[in-house]
Protein backbone atom coordinates (compact mmCIF):
# COMPACT_ATOMS: atom_id res chain seq x y z
CA MET A 1 -35.32 -49.54 2.66
CA ASP A 2 -36.81 -46.35 3.69
CA SER A 3 -34.35 -43.49 5.15
CA PHE A 4 -36.00 -44.33 8.59
CA THR A 5 -35.19 -47.82 8.51
CA LEU A 6 -31.41 -47.20 7.23
CA LEU A 7 -31.09 -44.91 10.17
CA ALA A 8 -32.12 -47.42 12.62
CA HIS A 9 -29.51 -49.57 11.35
CA GLY A 10 -27.19 -46.40 11.72
CA PHE A 11 -28.02 -46.34 15.45
CA ALA A 12 -26.99 -49.72 15.96
CA VAL A 13 -23.50 -48.76 14.86
CA ALA A 14 -23.64 -45.25 16.53
CA MET A 15 -24.70 -46.68 20.05
CA GLN A 16 -21.85 -49.42 20.13
CA PRO A 17 -19.71 -48.34 23.45
CA LEU A 18 -16.69 -47.58 21.49
CA ASN A 19 -18.37 -45.53 18.77
CA LEU A 20 -20.16 -43.53 21.76
CA LEU A 21 -16.65 -43.08 23.19
CA TYR A 22 -15.47 -41.78 19.73
CA ALA A 23 -18.37 -39.38 19.75
CA LEU A 24 -17.73 -38.05 23.24
CA ILE A 25 -14.00 -37.19 22.67
CA GLY A 26 -14.88 -35.47 19.15
CA VAL A 27 -17.56 -33.22 20.51
CA THR A 28 -15.25 -32.55 23.59
CA LEU A 29 -12.33 -31.93 21.64
CA GLY A 30 -14.30 -29.98 19.08
CA THR A 31 -16.16 -27.58 21.87
CA ALA A 32 -12.41 -26.81 23.27
CA VAL A 33 -11.01 -26.01 19.82
CA GLY A 34 -14.19 -23.87 18.86
CA VAL A 35 -13.66 -21.93 22.07
CA LEU A 36 -10.04 -21.30 21.33
CA PRO A 37 -9.55 -18.38 18.96
CA GLY A 38 -7.46 -19.25 15.49
CA ILE A 39 -7.90 -22.92 16.12
CA GLY A 40 -10.97 -24.58 14.26
CA PRO A 41 -12.28 -28.11 13.71
CA ALA A 42 -10.39 -28.45 10.22
CA LEU A 43 -6.97 -27.85 12.12
CA THR A 44 -8.12 -30.25 14.59
CA VAL A 45 -9.19 -32.97 12.28
CA ALA A 46 -5.88 -32.57 9.97
CA LEU A 47 -4.02 -33.17 13.22
CA LEU A 48 -5.91 -36.15 14.12
CA LEU A 49 -5.56 -37.74 10.53
CA PRO A 50 -2.11 -39.33 11.30
CA VAL A 51 -3.39 -40.44 14.77
CA THR A 52 -6.43 -42.30 13.72
CA TYR A 53 -4.39 -44.10 10.66
CA LYS A 54 -4.61 -47.59 12.20
CA LEU A 55 -8.01 -47.13 14.30
CA ASP A 56 -11.45 -48.39 13.01
CA PRO A 57 -12.59 -46.20 10.13
CA ALA A 58 -16.57 -45.77 11.46
CA GLY A 59 -15.31 -44.83 14.78
CA SER A 60 -12.50 -42.26 13.28
CA LEU A 61 -15.20 -40.72 11.11
CA ILE A 62 -17.71 -40.19 13.98
CA MET A 63 -15.03 -38.52 15.81
CA PHE A 64 -14.30 -36.31 12.99
CA ALA A 65 -17.99 -35.33 12.59
CA GLY A 66 -18.21 -34.99 16.34
CA ILE A 67 -15.27 -32.38 16.06
CA TYR A 68 -16.97 -30.49 13.28
CA TYR A 69 -20.52 -30.15 15.31
CA GLY A 70 -18.58 -29.29 18.50
CA GLY A 71 -16.58 -26.61 16.86
CA MET A 72 -19.63 -24.92 15.78
CA TYR A 73 -21.10 -25.30 19.27
CA GLY A 74 -17.97 -23.91 20.84
CA GLY A 75 -17.28 -20.68 18.67
CA SER A 76 -20.46 -19.04 20.22
CA THR A 77 -18.56 -18.99 23.71
CA THR A 78 -15.71 -16.75 22.64
CA SER A 79 -17.87 -14.40 20.77
CA ILE A 80 -20.30 -13.95 23.31
CA LEU A 81 -17.67 -13.63 26.45
CA LEU A 82 -14.59 -12.47 24.65
CA ASN A 83 -16.03 -10.60 21.39
CA THR A 84 -13.48 -12.80 19.60
CA PRO A 85 -15.25 -15.44 17.33
CA GLY A 86 -13.49 -18.94 17.68
CA GLU A 87 -14.80 -19.52 14.04
CA SER A 88 -15.60 -17.22 11.02
CA SER A 89 -19.50 -18.61 11.18
CA SER A 90 -19.50 -17.18 14.55
CA ILE A 91 -18.93 -13.48 13.65
CA VAL A 92 -22.35 -12.34 13.77
CA THR A 93 -23.06 -13.95 17.14
CA ALA A 94 -20.55 -11.52 18.58
CA LEU A 95 -22.55 -8.54 17.33
CA GLU A 96 -25.50 -9.27 19.88
CA GLY A 97 -23.82 -11.73 22.28
CA ASN A 98 -21.14 -9.62 23.54
CA LYS A 99 -23.36 -6.95 24.01
CA MET A 100 -25.78 -9.26 26.19
CA ALA A 101 -22.76 -10.51 28.11
CA ARG A 102 -21.59 -6.80 28.82
CA ALA A 103 -25.35 -5.98 30.07
CA GLY A 104 -25.10 -8.97 32.54
CA ARG A 105 -27.08 -11.22 30.37
CA GLY A 106 -23.99 -13.48 29.19
CA GLY A 107 -25.82 -16.77 30.61
CA PRO A 108 -29.09 -16.43 28.55
CA ALA A 109 -26.76 -15.45 25.42
CA LEU A 110 -24.84 -18.83 26.04
CA ALA A 111 -28.15 -20.97 26.70
CA THR A 112 -30.12 -19.66 23.50
CA ALA A 113 -26.72 -20.42 21.33
CA ALA A 114 -26.63 -23.79 22.94
CA ILE A 115 -30.37 -24.91 22.72
CA GLY A 116 -30.77 -23.09 19.06
CA SER A 117 -27.44 -24.98 18.09
CA PHE A 118 -29.16 -28.19 19.34
CA VAL A 119 -32.57 -27.68 17.71
CA ALA A 120 -30.89 -26.81 14.37
CA GLY A 121 -28.40 -29.71 14.54
CA LEU A 122 -31.48 -32.03 15.34
CA ILE A 123 -33.87 -31.03 12.57
CA ALA A 124 -31.20 -30.45 10.02
CA THR A 125 -29.55 -34.22 10.69
CA MET A 126 -32.91 -35.65 10.03
CA ALA A 127 -33.03 -33.47 6.71
CA LEU A 128 -30.01 -34.76 5.67
CA ALA A 129 -31.09 -38.74 6.42
CA LEU A 130 -34.13 -38.12 4.32
CA ILE A 131 -32.42 -36.00 1.34
CA ALA A 132 -29.33 -37.93 1.11
CA PRO A 133 -30.72 -41.33 -0.52
CA THR A 134 -32.92 -39.44 -3.19
CA ILE A 135 -29.51 -37.62 -4.29
CA VAL A 136 -27.85 -40.85 -4.30
CA LYS A 137 -30.18 -42.59 -6.51
CA PHE A 138 -29.81 -39.70 -9.10
CA ALA A 139 -26.23 -39.69 -8.94
CA LEU A 140 -26.09 -43.49 -9.38
CA SER A 141 -26.69 -42.80 -13.07
CA PHE A 142 -23.78 -40.74 -13.60
CA GLY A 143 -21.47 -41.86 -16.08
CA PRO A 144 -17.52 -40.91 -16.52
CA ALA A 145 -18.59 -37.85 -18.63
CA GLU A 146 -20.84 -36.72 -15.56
CA TYR A 147 -18.52 -37.56 -13.05
CA PHE A 148 -15.87 -35.32 -14.85
CA ALA A 149 -18.14 -32.31 -14.96
CA LEU A 150 -19.23 -33.10 -11.09
CA MET A 151 -15.35 -32.90 -10.25
CA VAL A 152 -14.98 -29.62 -12.51
CA LEU A 153 -17.98 -28.23 -10.47
CA ALA A 154 -16.04 -29.30 -7.21
CA PHE A 155 -12.91 -27.49 -8.38
CA MET A 156 -14.69 -24.21 -9.32
CA THR A 157 -16.95 -23.76 -6.37
CA VAL A 158 -13.87 -24.64 -3.82
CA SER A 159 -11.72 -21.97 -5.85
CA ALA A 160 -14.75 -19.43 -5.33
CA ALA A 161 -15.83 -20.39 -2.06
CA PHE A 162 -12.54 -20.02 -0.31
CA GLY A 163 -10.50 -16.80 0.04
CA ASP A 164 -11.33 -13.20 -1.04
CA SER A 165 -10.04 -13.63 -4.80
CA THR A 166 -11.33 -16.27 -7.31
CA LEU A 167 -7.89 -16.19 -9.19
CA ARG A 168 -5.90 -16.87 -5.76
CA GLY A 169 -8.38 -20.03 -5.08
CA LEU A 170 -7.78 -21.33 -8.61
CA THR A 171 -3.97 -20.76 -8.45
CA ALA A 172 -4.38 -22.85 -4.97
CA LEU A 173 -6.40 -25.35 -6.64
CA PHE A 174 -4.02 -25.53 -9.57
CA LEU A 175 -1.07 -26.33 -6.86
CA GLY A 176 -3.02 -28.96 -5.56
CA LEU A 177 -3.73 -30.49 -8.95
CA ALA A 178 0.04 -30.24 -9.66
CA LEU A 179 0.68 -32.15 -6.52
CA GLY A 180 -1.74 -34.74 -7.12
CA LEU A 181 0.41 -35.73 -10.68
CA ILE A 182 3.42 -36.95 -8.71
CA GLY A 183 3.68 -40.71 -8.45
CA ILE A 184 2.98 -43.65 -10.64
CA ASP A 185 0.31 -43.25 -13.42
CA LEU A 186 -2.16 -46.04 -12.44
CA GLN A 187 -3.15 -46.33 -16.42
CA THR A 188 0.68 -46.73 -18.09
CA GLY A 189 2.88 -47.38 -14.93
CA GLN A 190 5.13 -44.46 -16.04
CA ALA A 191 6.47 -42.06 -13.02
CA ARG A 192 5.52 -38.81 -13.05
CA LEU A 193 7.40 -35.68 -11.28
CA ALA A 194 9.01 -37.97 -9.29
CA PHE A 195 12.81 -36.94 -10.09
CA GLY A 196 14.11 -40.21 -9.41
CA ILE A 197 13.03 -40.07 -5.64
CA PRO A 198 11.47 -43.47 -4.61
CA ASP A 199 9.35 -42.10 -1.77
CA LEU A 200 7.67 -40.19 -4.31
CA LEU A 201 6.33 -43.15 -6.46
CA ASP A 202 3.20 -43.46 -4.04
CA GLY A 203 2.38 -39.76 -4.58
CA VAL A 204 1.96 -37.15 -1.85
CA GLU A 205 0.19 -38.32 1.15
CA VAL A 206 -2.82 -36.29 1.75
CA THR A 207 -2.68 -36.95 5.56
CA THR A 208 0.96 -35.07 5.38
CA LEU A 209 -0.05 -32.31 3.34
CA ALA A 210 -3.17 -31.33 5.26
CA VAL A 211 -1.42 -31.43 8.61
CA ALA A 212 1.44 -29.35 7.20
CA LEU A 213 -1.06 -26.68 5.60
CA PHE A 214 -3.46 -26.37 8.38
CA ALA A 215 -1.40 -27.09 11.62
CA VAL A 216 2.09 -26.08 10.79
CA GLY A 217 1.41 -23.69 8.56
CA GLU A 218 -0.88 -21.75 10.91
CA SER A 219 1.52 -22.12 13.90
CA LEU A 220 4.03 -20.54 11.88
CA SER A 221 1.80 -17.78 10.67
CA VAL A 222 0.77 -17.21 14.43
CA ALA A 223 4.43 -17.05 15.52
CA ALA A 224 5.04 -14.67 12.66
CA ALA A 225 2.38 -12.39 13.24
CA HIS A 226 3.04 -11.99 17.09
CA ARG A 227 -0.64 -12.15 17.93
CA TYR A 228 -0.18 -11.79 21.61
CA GLY A 229 -2.11 -9.34 24.02
CA GLU A 230 -4.39 -9.36 26.63
CA GLU A 231 -8.06 -9.98 26.26
CA LYS A 232 -10.82 -9.27 28.70
CA ILE A 233 -13.38 -12.17 29.40
CA GLU A 234 -16.83 -10.98 30.50
CA ALA A 235 -17.80 -12.62 33.41
CA ILE A 236 -21.13 -14.46 33.66
CA LYS A 237 -23.57 -12.93 35.99
CA GLY A 238 -26.86 -14.18 37.33
CA SER A 239 -28.61 -17.11 36.10
CA VAL A 240 -27.24 -19.15 33.19
CA TRP A 241 -30.74 -20.06 32.20
CA MET A 242 -33.34 -18.12 30.14
CA ASN A 243 -36.47 -16.75 31.43
CA ARG A 244 -40.26 -16.96 29.81
CA GLU A 245 -39.57 -13.86 27.56
CA ASP A 246 -36.25 -15.10 26.16
CA TRP A 247 -37.95 -18.50 25.16
CA SER A 248 -40.65 -16.54 23.51
CA ARG A 249 -38.11 -14.57 21.63
CA SER A 250 -35.98 -17.40 20.62
CA TRP A 251 -37.80 -20.44 19.30
CA LYS A 252 -38.92 -18.63 16.15
CA PRO A 253 -35.41 -17.74 15.11
CA TRP A 254 -34.23 -21.09 16.04
CA LEU A 255 -36.51 -22.54 13.29
CA ARG A 256 -35.87 -19.79 10.85
CA GLY A 257 -32.05 -20.00 11.31
CA THR A 258 -32.17 -23.97 10.68
CA PHE A 259 -34.02 -23.56 7.55
CA ILE A 260 -32.02 -20.79 6.42
CA GLY A 261 -28.79 -22.45 7.35
CA PHE A 262 -29.17 -26.11 5.99
CA PRO A 263 -30.18 -25.41 2.48
CA ILE A 264 -27.09 -22.66 2.09
CA GLY A 265 -24.70 -25.22 3.90
CA ALA A 266 -25.77 -27.86 1.35
CA MET A 267 -24.94 -25.54 -1.80
CA PRO A 268 -21.79 -25.61 -3.58
CA ALA A 269 -20.05 -22.27 -2.63
CA GLY A 270 -22.61 -21.63 0.22
CA GLY A 271 -20.72 -21.74 3.73
CA ALA A 272 -22.03 -21.05 7.37
CA GLU A 273 -21.23 -17.34 7.15
CA ILE A 274 -23.49 -16.64 4.55
CA GLY A 275 -26.32 -18.31 6.33
CA THR A 276 -25.52 -16.70 9.84
CA PHE A 277 -25.21 -12.98 8.12
CA LEU A 278 -28.79 -13.84 6.11
CA SER A 279 -30.46 -15.17 9.50
CA TYR A 280 -29.21 -11.89 11.40
CA SER A 281 -30.67 -9.79 8.65
CA VAL A 282 -34.02 -11.73 8.73
CA GLU A 283 -34.37 -11.48 12.52
CA LYS A 284 -33.67 -7.77 12.39
CA GLN A 285 -36.48 -7.21 10.04
CA LEU A 286 -38.80 -9.47 11.54
CA SER A 287 -38.11 -8.56 15.40
CA LYS A 288 -41.09 -6.76 17.21
CA LYS A 289 -38.25 -4.86 19.38
CA PRO A 290 -35.57 -3.74 16.27
CA GLU A 291 -34.43 -0.83 18.30
CA GLU A 292 -32.61 -3.48 20.85
CA PHE A 293 -30.19 -4.74 17.65
CA GLY A 294 -26.70 -3.59 18.14
CA LYS A 295 -27.52 -3.25 21.77
CA GLY A 296 -28.18 -6.79 22.75
CA ALA A 297 -31.02 -8.76 21.09
CA ILE A 298 -31.45 -12.17 21.91
CA GLU A 299 -32.80 -12.89 18.58
CA GLY A 300 -29.56 -11.86 16.92
CA VAL A 301 -27.76 -14.81 18.72
CA ALA A 302 -30.34 -17.71 18.67
CA GLY A 303 -30.91 -17.05 14.63
CA PRO A 304 -27.42 -16.99 13.69
CA GLU A 305 -26.14 -19.74 16.10
CA ALA A 306 -29.16 -22.03 14.73
CA ALA A 307 -28.32 -21.24 10.84
CA ASN A 308 -24.62 -22.12 11.94
CA ASN A 309 -25.08 -25.63 13.04
CA ALA A 310 -27.63 -26.16 10.28
CA SER A 311 -25.08 -25.34 7.88
CA ALA A 312 -22.80 -27.93 9.36
CA ALA A 313 -25.18 -30.95 8.72
CA GLY A 314 -26.02 -29.12 5.31
CA THR A 315 -22.34 -29.26 4.31
CA LEU A 316 -22.66 -33.21 4.66
CA VAL A 317 -25.07 -33.67 2.08
CA PRO A 318 -22.75 -32.85 -0.80
CA LEU A 319 -19.97 -34.43 0.88
CA LEU A 320 -21.52 -37.79 1.55
CA THR A 321 -23.72 -38.30 -1.45
CA LEU A 322 -21.38 -36.39 -4.48
CA GLY A 323 -18.09 -36.26 -2.77
CA LEU A 324 -18.07 -32.41 -2.84
CA PRO A 325 -16.61 -30.37 -0.03
CA THR A 326 -18.07 -26.92 0.64
CA SER A 327 -16.00 -26.08 3.87
CA ALA A 328 -12.47 -26.42 4.85
CA THR A 329 -13.55 -29.10 7.37
CA ALA A 330 -15.21 -30.81 4.77
CA ALA A 331 -12.36 -31.21 2.72
CA ILE A 332 -10.36 -32.39 5.47
CA MET A 333 -13.03 -35.15 6.34
CA LEU A 334 -12.63 -36.05 2.52
CA ALA A 335 -8.95 -36.46 3.13
CA GLY A 336 -10.14 -38.49 6.20
CA PHE A 337 -12.57 -41.04 4.16
CA GLN A 338 -9.56 -41.36 1.80
CA GLN A 339 -7.08 -42.23 4.46
CA PHE A 340 -9.24 -45.52 4.85
CA GLY A 341 -9.96 -46.21 1.31
CA LEU A 342 -13.21 -44.93 0.99
CA GLN A 343 -14.54 -42.41 -1.24
CA PRO A 344 -17.69 -40.08 -0.55
CA GLY A 345 -20.24 -40.40 -3.13
CA PRO A 346 -23.04 -42.59 -4.17
CA LEU A 347 -21.12 -45.85 -4.21
CA LEU A 348 -20.18 -45.18 -0.47
CA PHE A 349 -24.12 -45.74 0.28
CA ALA A 350 -23.87 -48.65 -1.65
CA ASN A 351 -20.94 -50.51 -0.45
CA ASN A 352 -20.49 -49.28 3.19
CA PRO A 353 -24.19 -48.40 4.34
CA GLN A 354 -23.06 -49.22 7.95
CA ILE A 355 -20.51 -46.68 8.23
CA VAL A 356 -22.45 -43.80 6.45
CA TRP A 357 -25.44 -44.48 8.29
CA GLY A 358 -23.77 -45.16 11.48
CA LEU A 359 -22.19 -41.42 10.92
CA ILE A 360 -25.41 -39.65 10.04
CA ALA A 361 -26.87 -41.58 13.50
CA SER A 362 -24.11 -40.36 15.54
CA LEU A 363 -24.65 -36.82 14.74
CA LEU A 364 -27.90 -37.10 16.69
CA VAL A 365 -26.37 -38.56 19.40
CA ALA A 366 -23.33 -35.89 19.18
CA ASN A 367 -26.00 -33.07 19.51
CA PHE A 368 -27.51 -34.44 22.86
CA MET A 369 -23.82 -34.80 24.32
CA LEU A 370 -23.18 -31.20 23.20
CA LEU A 371 -26.14 -29.82 24.80
CA VAL A 372 -25.22 -31.75 28.05
CA LEU A 373 -21.54 -30.56 27.82
CA ASN A 374 -22.03 -26.81 26.74
CA LEU A 375 -23.87 -25.32 29.54
CA PRO A 376 -22.75 -26.81 32.60
CA LEU A 377 -19.25 -26.67 31.62
CA VAL A 378 -18.98 -23.18 30.59
CA GLY A 379 -16.60 -22.19 33.08
CA LEU A 380 -14.38 -25.16 31.96
CA TRP A 381 -14.43 -23.67 28.66
CA VAL A 382 -13.64 -20.25 29.58
CA ARG A 383 -10.94 -21.26 31.54
CA LEU A 384 -9.16 -22.67 28.37
CA LEU A 385 -8.79 -18.83 27.08
CA SER A 386 -6.27 -18.51 29.66
CA ILE A 387 -3.78 -21.00 27.80
CA PRO A 388 -0.61 -18.91 26.55
CA ARG A 389 -0.88 -18.69 23.00
CA HIS A 390 2.94 -19.76 22.47
CA TRP A 391 2.41 -22.93 24.34
CA LEU A 392 -0.75 -23.79 22.49
CA TYR A 393 0.83 -23.47 19.16
CA ALA A 394 4.07 -25.05 20.32
CA GLY A 395 1.81 -28.07 21.56
CA ILE A 396 0.48 -28.32 17.79
CA LEU A 397 3.63 -28.42 16.45
CA VAL A 398 4.76 -31.40 18.58
CA PHE A 399 1.56 -33.21 17.93
CA ALA A 400 1.75 -32.73 14.24
CA THR A 401 5.43 -33.92 14.03
CA LEU A 402 4.85 -36.88 16.28
CA GLY A 403 1.58 -37.65 14.44
CA THR A 404 3.27 -37.69 11.03
CA ILE A 405 6.08 -39.84 12.18
CA GLY A 406 3.73 -42.45 13.81
CA ALA A 407 1.73 -42.87 10.34
CA ASN A 408 4.74 -42.94 8.27
CA PRO A 409 8.03 -43.17 10.14
CA SER A 410 10.14 -41.64 7.72
CA THR A 411 12.78 -38.97 7.50
CA PHE A 412 11.68 -37.91 4.09
CA GLU A 413 8.00 -37.71 5.11
CA LEU A 414 9.12 -35.49 7.90
CA GLY A 415 10.97 -33.05 5.44
CA MET A 416 7.88 -33.29 3.46
CA LEU A 417 5.90 -31.91 6.59
CA LEU A 418 8.19 -28.97 7.14
CA ALA A 419 8.25 -28.24 3.55
CA PHE A 420 4.66 -27.88 3.00
CA GLY A 421 4.19 -26.48 6.32
CA VAL A 422 6.52 -23.49 5.06
CA LEU A 423 4.17 -23.70 1.83
CA GLY A 424 1.15 -22.99 4.22
CA TYR A 425 2.87 -20.25 5.63
CA ILE A 426 3.50 -18.52 2.46
CA LEU A 427 0.05 -19.01 1.19
CA ARG A 428 -1.24 -17.39 4.28
CA ARG A 429 1.06 -14.73 4.31
CA PHE A 430 -0.18 -13.75 0.62
CA GLY A 431 -3.78 -14.34 1.05
CA TYR A 432 -4.07 -17.72 -0.53
CA PRO A 433 -6.78 -20.26 0.57
CA ILE A 434 -5.56 -23.45 1.87
CA ALA A 435 -8.47 -26.02 1.37
CA PRO A 436 -8.01 -25.77 -2.73
CA VAL A 437 -5.01 -27.36 -2.46
CA VAL A 438 -5.90 -30.37 -0.22
CA VAL A 439 -9.15 -30.59 -2.58
CA GLY A 440 -7.15 -30.46 -5.70
CA LEU A 441 -4.59 -33.18 -4.42
CA ILE A 442 -7.86 -35.38 -3.42
CA LEU A 443 -9.95 -34.98 -6.36
CA GLY A 444 -7.36 -34.30 -9.08
CA PRO A 445 -6.46 -37.86 -9.80
CA MET A 446 -10.08 -38.97 -9.84
CA ALA A 447 -11.03 -36.10 -12.21
CA GLU A 448 -8.16 -37.13 -14.57
CA GLN A 449 -9.36 -40.97 -14.20
CA GLN A 450 -12.82 -40.12 -15.09
CA LEU A 451 -11.76 -37.79 -18.11
CA ARG A 452 -9.50 -40.80 -19.67
CA ARG A 453 -12.51 -43.11 -19.05
CA ALA A 454 -14.82 -40.86 -21.08
CA LEU A 455 -12.26 -40.29 -23.92
CA ALA A 456 -11.34 -43.76 -23.99
CA ILE A 457 -15.14 -44.75 -24.32
CA SER A 458 -15.58 -41.98 -27.48
CA GLN A 459 -12.44 -42.98 -28.98
CA GLY A 460 -10.78 -39.55 -28.22
CA ASP A 461 -13.86 -37.67 -28.95
CA PRO A 462 -13.74 -34.54 -26.47
CA THR A 463 -17.60 -33.75 -27.49
CA VAL A 464 -18.51 -36.65 -25.46
CA LEU A 465 -18.05 -34.39 -22.01
CA VAL A 466 -21.20 -32.52 -23.37
CA HIS A 467 -23.40 -35.03 -24.74
CA SER A 468 -25.20 -35.66 -21.53
CA PRO A 469 -27.64 -32.85 -20.49
CA ILE A 470 -26.45 -33.93 -16.75
CA ALA A 471 -22.98 -33.03 -17.68
CA VAL A 472 -23.81 -29.81 -19.61
CA ILE A 473 -26.08 -28.53 -16.48
CA LEU A 474 -22.95 -29.28 -14.11
CA LEU A 475 -20.38 -27.43 -16.42
CA ILE A 476 -22.94 -24.47 -16.57
CA LEU A 477 -23.19 -24.44 -12.85
CA ALA A 478 -19.26 -24.60 -12.96
CA VAL A 479 -18.90 -21.62 -14.93
CA CYS A 480 -21.66 -19.65 -12.68
CA ALA A 481 -19.88 -20.60 -9.58
CA VAL A 482 -16.77 -18.56 -10.83
CA VAL A 483 -18.38 -15.89 -12.61
CA VAL A 484 -21.49 -15.19 -10.28
CA PRO A 485 -18.79 -14.28 -7.24
CA LEU A 486 -17.01 -12.06 -9.59
CA ILE A 487 -20.13 -9.86 -10.47
CA MET A 488 -21.09 -9.48 -6.96
CA ARG A 489 -17.56 -8.42 -5.91
CA ALA A 490 -17.58 -5.89 -8.58
CA ARG A 491 -20.73 -4.49 -7.68
CA GLY A 492 -19.93 -4.55 -3.82
CA LYS A 493 -16.64 -2.97 -4.67
CA GLY A 494 -18.53 -0.06 -6.99
CA LYS A 495 -21.10 0.57 -4.12
CA VAL A 496 -18.11 1.33 -1.70
CA LEU A 497 -16.56 3.50 -4.32
CA SER A 498 -19.83 5.27 -5.00
CA SER A 499 -20.68 5.88 -1.24
CA LEU A 500 -16.70 7.15 -0.61
CA ALA A 501 -17.46 9.53 -3.22
CA ALA A 502 -20.76 11.01 -2.03
CA SER A 503 -19.17 11.29 1.44
CA GLU A 504 -16.15 13.38 -0.08
CA ASP A 505 -18.63 15.48 -1.68
């Protein structure tokens, strides 16, 4: 069957009343958390993991994807009206969007962000549906050595992509790999690192770790930092809609942003931030009115917001087809799949096509929902900014605790939640990324299994790992994923030092 036939079957799943409800809940929650600074889709999906433990897998995953898309939409609201990006990928939007709001053009800024996100999401989701089957056919030829090389690539890209330091990313990854060793070894039946505690024989629960690191750790970090203070919200003046000139200046940036953001989101170590900055730079160079940039150019909102949402669909390409997470939210979604006994990758398309194609089709439905929700309800989203920060994070802690107890009613599990929450705070305090820990816990046992299979087939010959050209290419890409960011950072520091020296002279 071709992609369009499979997508039609996916719509049959996505358009079921219960799944439509899940999608609506997801996009609404996602928009809300995108609006609230400091609370992103990764934290929200982590909070919902234990709550959705016994729900329908398709509906839960549709809701998670809706939260991801909604978070990308909602981040633009605070960037434009508050000059405080709700998401790191919305930083660029604040450059021009807040200037437009201060000039009384906050309405058109929000409109071009919403419509640009809709256009980009629509095109990028269709691209996902067309590209995914091709990648799956290629990946179905993988053996144990290729799969192990793919896992190594995932480890290296995650370590390099998250955080400001590759060394810190690798440290966080190895912490996750160590946690993944806890429990019964499936091949020998021996207990590892359980220290005689029966509750550890089944290993560390991914949901407990994700909720603790993202929700509890973030709450403790905010409480310790005393992030309070009044923030001025720019009022929306005049019409929310765009005039003819705004449309003519926005449609090309929407398309360019889409075609910039989608491939960068799909690349390992890509990320939405890179696409938004690149889109902003391109629009500034191609604009007929470059003098307006820095003063409120609508192209500087339209392009980056389109790139932002296109990258979200792009992120799902490696996640669904190869099981590679390239963002923090994708890492938590990977935990969500595993919670239901599903492993993203080529076999997911073969064994559970109704779930994966229902998920892809639901993204198109979610895009229409978001367009309807964002502009008419902008006043409601702005009111969310008035929620006191201490109430918000206290509620998150209560929700995290109740969700964990509901999924696994055990005092030991509650103690693990607290311990990992403190670990999450410590990691944040010293600048270590969180996502590699979760990825290490999820993918570590799988990488070990594939490595042992490859060595068993070759009777212990380690060169089997480099016999396949595909495995060699993947391992070379893994090395590049670590080395290239180091070189780029070194060059960046060198330029800064030279510019400082020149200014002192």
